[in-house]
Amino acid sequence: MESPVPHLTIEYSANLEPETDIGALCETLRRSMLETGHFEIGAVRVRAHKCDHYAIADLHPDNAFINMDLKIGAGRSPDEKQHMGETIFDAAVEQLKSLFESPHFALSLYIDEYPPERSWKKNSIHPRLR
């Protein structure tokens, strides 16, 4: 079953750029989304936004974060959403494992579900990939 709107937005603290390949993280997460089996390839979007300004915990200059927000269309069971979340989060943890060696990194993932009456889309990619 397809779930429209599988868009994953990543926000990350700018201090991660020297040591973290954000492009590789985007590709890893795109692949993990497809591996769940819950999304059609033509609908998957992963994008990252660097945050130049942030304040984290005790303001230690090494504090860093990555927050991931997954938007999906309505209609998934709790078990399916759990599977999506675990698969995507586990892929991120694996990709970012070196960051957890420091006591200054926080990773989060949230899933937001949008009902069809609050979602408008037009996609010319689907016909090409179907």
C-alpha atoms as a PDB file:
ATOM      1  CA  MET A   1       0.000   0.000   0.000  1.00  0.00           C
ATOM      2  CA  GLU A   2       1.323   3.442  -0.885  1.00  0.00           C
ATOM      3  CA  SER A   3       1.463   6.213   1.653  1.00  0.00           C
ATOM      4  CA  PRO A   4       1.628   9.616   0.005  1.00  0.00           C
ATOM      5  CA  VAL A   5       3.762  12.409   1.350  1.00  0.00           C
ATOM      6  CA  PRO A   6       6.789  10.461   2.595  1.00  0.00           C
ATOM      7  CA  HIS A   7       8.902  13.565   3.047  1.00  0.00           C
ATOM      8  CA  LEU A   8      11.782  13.498   5.529  1.00  0.00           C
ATOM      9  CA  THR A   9      13.203  16.857   6.576  1.00  0.00           C
ATOM     10  CA  ILE A  10      16.475  16.941   8.459  1.00  0.00           C
ATOM     11  CA  GLU A  11      17.579  19.917  10.539  1.00  0.00           C
ATOM     12  CA  TYR A  12      21.150  19.850  11.798  1.00  0.00           C
ATOM     13  CA  SER A  13      23.496  22.109  13.715  1.00  0.00           C
ATOM     14  CA  ALA A  14      26.109  23.763  11.513  1.00  0.00           C
ATOM     15  CA  ASN A  15      28.963  22.485  13.667  1.00  0.00           C
ATOM     16  CA  LEU A  16      28.363  18.969  12.275  1.00  0.00           C
ATOM     17  CA  GLU A  17      29.413  19.839   8.724  1.00  0.00           C
ATOM     18  CA  PRO A  18      33.181  19.393   9.119  1.00  0.00           C
ATOM     19  CA  GLU A  19      32.817  15.823  10.399  1.00  0.00           C
ATOM     20  CA  THR A  20      29.505  14.580   8.984  1.00  0.00           C
ATOM     21  CA  ASP A  21      28.580  13.844   5.364  1.00  0.00           C
ATOM     22  CA  ILE A  22      25.021  15.155   5.336  1.00  0.00           C
ATOM     23  CA  GLY A  23      24.568  14.167   1.673  1.00  0.00           C
ATOM     24  CA  ALA A  24      25.431  10.565   2.519  1.00  0.00           C
ATOM     25  CA  LEU A  25      23.001  10.705   5.445  1.00  0.00           C
ATOM     26  CA  CYS A  26      20.235  11.872   3.080  1.00  0.00           C
ATOM     27  CA  GLU A  27      20.907   8.938   0.747  1.00  0.00           C
ATOM     28  CA  THR A  28      21.051   6.446   3.624  1.00  0.00           C
ATOM     29  CA  LEU A  29      17.703   7.690   4.929  1.00  0.00           C
ATOM     30  CA  ARG A  30      16.135   7.672   1.440  1.00  0.00           C
ATOM     31  CA  ARG A  31      17.199   4.063   1.053  1.00  0.00           C
ATOM     32  CA  SER A  32      15.901   3.151   4.526  1.00  0.00           C
ATOM     33  CA  MET A  33      12.520   4.719   3.716  1.00  0.00           C
ATOM     34  CA  LEU A  34      12.248   2.538   0.613  1.00  0.00           C
ATOM     35  CA  GLU A  35      13.386  -0.547   2.553  1.00  0.00           C
ATOM     36  CA  THR A  36      10.365  -0.219   4.849  1.00  0.00           C
ATOM     37  CA  GLY A  37       8.179  -1.238   1.915  1.00  0.00           C
ATOM     38  CA  HIS A  38       5.653   1.445   2.861  1.00  0.00           C
ATOM     39  CA  PHE A  39       6.606   4.090   0.276  1.00  0.00           C
ATOM     40  CA  GLU A  40       6.596   4.350  -3.488  1.00  0.00           C
ATOM     41  CA  ILE A  41       9.945   5.496  -4.886  1.00  0.00           C
ATOM     42  CA  GLY A  42       8.476   8.444  -6.801  1.00  0.00           C
ATOM     43  CA  ALA A  43       7.057   9.979  -3.632  1.00  0.00           C
ATOM     44  CA  VAL A  44      10.110   9.805  -1.352  1.00  0.00           C
ATOM     45  CA  ARG A  45      11.832  13.110  -0.539  1.00  0.00           C
ATOM     46  CA  VAL A  46      14.725  13.680   1.837  1.00  0.00           C
ATOM     47  CA  ARG A  47      16.096  17.157   2.402  1.00  0.00           C
ATOM     48  CA  ALA A  48      18.464  18.709   4.916  1.00  0.00           C
ATOM     49  CA  HIS A  49      18.611  22.217   6.345  1.00  0.00           C
ATOM     50  CA  LYS A  50      21.639  23.506   8.195  1.00  0.00           C
ATOM     51  CA  CYS A  51      20.901  25.569  11.287  1.00  0.00           C
ATOM     52  CA  ASP A  52      23.483  28.305  11.689  1.00  0.00           C
ATOM     53  CA  HIS A  53      21.884  29.605  14.872  1.00  0.00           C
ATOM     54  CA  TYR A  54      20.955  27.304  17.737  1.00  0.00           C
ATOM     55  CA  ALA A  55      21.190  26.971  21.515  1.00  0.00           C
ATOM     56  CA  ILE A  56      21.575  23.459  22.908  1.00  0.00           C
ATOM     57  CA  ALA A  57      21.420  22.360  26.549  1.00  0.00           C
ATOM     58  CA  ASP A  58      24.315  23.893  28.504  1.00  0.00           C
ATOM     59  CA  LEU A  59      25.555  25.887  25.461  1.00  0.00           C
ATOM     60  CA  HIS A  60      28.770  23.855  25.235  1.00  0.00           C
ATOM     61  CA  PRO A  61      30.266  24.697  21.819  1.00  0.00           C
ATOM     62  CA  ASP A  62      30.560  21.002  20.904  1.00  0.00           C
ATOM     63  CA  ASN A  63      26.851  20.323  21.435  1.00  0.00           C
ATOM     64  CA  ALA A  64      25.264  19.245  18.163  1.00  0.00           C
ATOM     65  CA  PHE A  65      21.944  17.888  16.945  1.00  0.00           C
ATOM     66  CA  ILE A  66      20.112  16.281  14.091  1.00  0.00           C
ATOM     67  CA  ASN A  67      16.318  16.360  14.125  1.00  0.00           C
ATOM     68  CA  MET A  68      14.322  14.411  11.534  1.00  0.00           C
ATOM     69  CA  ASP A  69      10.660  15.081  10.782  1.00  0.00           C
ATOM     70  CA  LEU A  70       8.849  12.517   8.623  1.00  0.00           C
ATOM     71  CA  LYS A  71       5.571  13.610   7.049  1.00  0.00           C
ATOM     72  CA  ILE A  72       3.327  10.794   5.846  1.00  0.00           C
ATOM     73  CA  GLY A  73      -0.193  10.490   4.533  1.00  0.00           C
ATOM     74  CA  ALA A  74      -2.894   9.138   6.810  1.00  0.00           C
ATOM     75  CA  GLY A  75      -3.976   5.521   6.824  1.00  0.00           C
ATOM     76  CA  ARG A  76      -1.089   3.613   8.373  1.00  0.00           C
ATOM     77  CA  SER A  77      -1.533   1.292  11.325  1.00  0.00           C
ATOM     78  CA  PRO A  78       0.384   1.937  14.546  1.00  0.00           C
ATOM     79  CA  ASP A  79       2.561  -1.103  13.770  1.00  0.00           C
ATOM     80  CA  GLU A  80       3.400   0.226  10.299  1.00  0.00           C
ATOM     81  CA  LYS A  81       4.342   3.630  11.727  1.00  0.00           C
ATOM     82  CA  GLN A  82       6.451   1.925  14.392  1.00  0.00           C
ATOM     83  CA  HIS A  83       8.229  -0.082  11.691  1.00  0.00           C
ATOM     84  CA  MET A  84       8.867   3.069   9.627  1.00  0.00           C
ATOM     85  CA  GLY A  85      10.223   4.950  12.622  1.00  0.00           C
ATOM     86  CA  GLU A  86      12.471   2.144  13.825  1.00  0.00           C
ATOM     87  CA  THR A  87      13.868   1.443  10.351  1.00  0.00           C
ATOM     88  CA  ILE A  88      14.662   5.087   9.613  1.00  0.00           C
ATOM     89  CA  PHE A  89      15.980   5.857  13.106  1.00  0.00           C
ATOM     90  CA  ASP A  90      18.185   2.739  13.166  1.00  0.00           C
ATOM     91  CA  ALA A  91      19.660   3.680   9.772  1.00  0.00           C
ATOM     92  CA  ALA A  92      20.472   7.163  11.086  1.00  0.00           C
ATOM     93  CA  VAL A  93      22.051   5.786  14.270  1.00  0.00           C
ATOM     94  CA  GLU A  94      24.225   3.439  12.219  1.00  0.00           C
ATOM     95  CA  GLN A  95      25.295   6.196   9.801  1.00  0.00           C
ATOM     96  CA  LEU A  96      26.054   8.597  12.674  1.00  0.00           C
ATOM     97  CA  LYS A  97      27.535   6.123  15.176  1.00  0.00           C
ATOM     98  CA  SER A  98      30.814   8.046  15.513  1.00  0.00           C
ATOM     99  CA  LEU A  99      28.909  11.105  16.784  1.00  0.00           C
ATOM    100  CA  PHE A 100      27.616   9.114  19.754  1.00  0.00           C
ATOM    101  CA  GLU A 101      31.197   8.623  20.962  1.00  0.00           C
ATOM    102  CA  SER A 102      31.034  12.232  22.182  1.00  0.00           C
ATOM    103  CA  PRO A 103      28.774  13.361  25.038  1.00  0.00           C
ATOM    104  CA  HIS A 104      27.539  16.265  22.905  1.00  0.00           C
ATOM    105  CA  PHE A 105      25.187  14.818  20.270  1.00  0.00           C
ATOM    106  CA  ALA A 106      21.385  14.506  20.156  1.00  0.00           C
ATOM    107  CA  LEU A 107      19.349  12.713  17.475  1.00  0.00           C
ATOM    108  CA  SER A 108      15.556  12.755  17.168  1.00  0.00           C
ATOM    109  CA  LEU A 109      12.844  11.574  14.771  1.00  0.00           C
ATOM    110  CA  TYR A 110       9.176  12.542  14.739  1.00  0.00           C
ATOM    111  CA  ILE A 111       6.426  11.254  12.445  1.00  0.00           C
ATOM    112  CA  ASP A 112       3.574  13.573  11.456  1.00  0.00           C
ATOM    113  CA  GLU A 113       0.537  12.175   9.676  1.00  0.00           C
ATOM    114  CA  TYR A 114      -1.485  14.330   7.275  1.00  0.00           C
ATOM    115  CA  PRO A 115      -5.061  13.534   6.232  1.00  0.00           C
ATOM    116  CA  PRO A 116      -5.788  13.724   2.492  1.00  0.00           C
ATOM    117  CA  GLU A 117      -8.026  16.782   2.884  1.00  0.00           C
ATOM    118  CA  ARG A 118      -5.024  18.760   4.139  1.00  0.00           C
ATOM    119  CA  SER A 119      -2.524  17.648   1.502  1.00  0.00           C
ATOM    120  CA  TRP A 120      -2.238  18.852  -2.101  1.00  0.00           C
ATOM    121  CA  LYS A 121       0.254  17.322  -4.537  1.00  0.00           C
ATOM    122  CA  LYS A 122       0.985  17.062  -8.223  1.00  0.00           C
ATOM    123  CA  ASN A 123       3.801  14.721  -9.232  1.00  0.00           C
ATOM    124  CA  SER A 124       5.114  14.083 -12.730  1.00  0.00           C
ATOM    125  CA  ILE A 125       7.814  11.732 -11.382  1.00  0.00           C
ATOM    126  CA  HIS A 126       5.371   8.909 -10.583  1.00  0.00           C
ATOM    127  CA  PRO A 127       4.388   8.151 -14.194  1.00  0.00           C
ATOM    128  CA  ARG A 128       8.064   7.906 -15.200  1.00  0.00           C
ATOM    129  CA  LEU A 129       8.945   5.504 -12.376  1.00  0.00           C
ATOM    130  CA  ARG A 130       5.813   3.360 -12.464  1.00  0.00           C
END
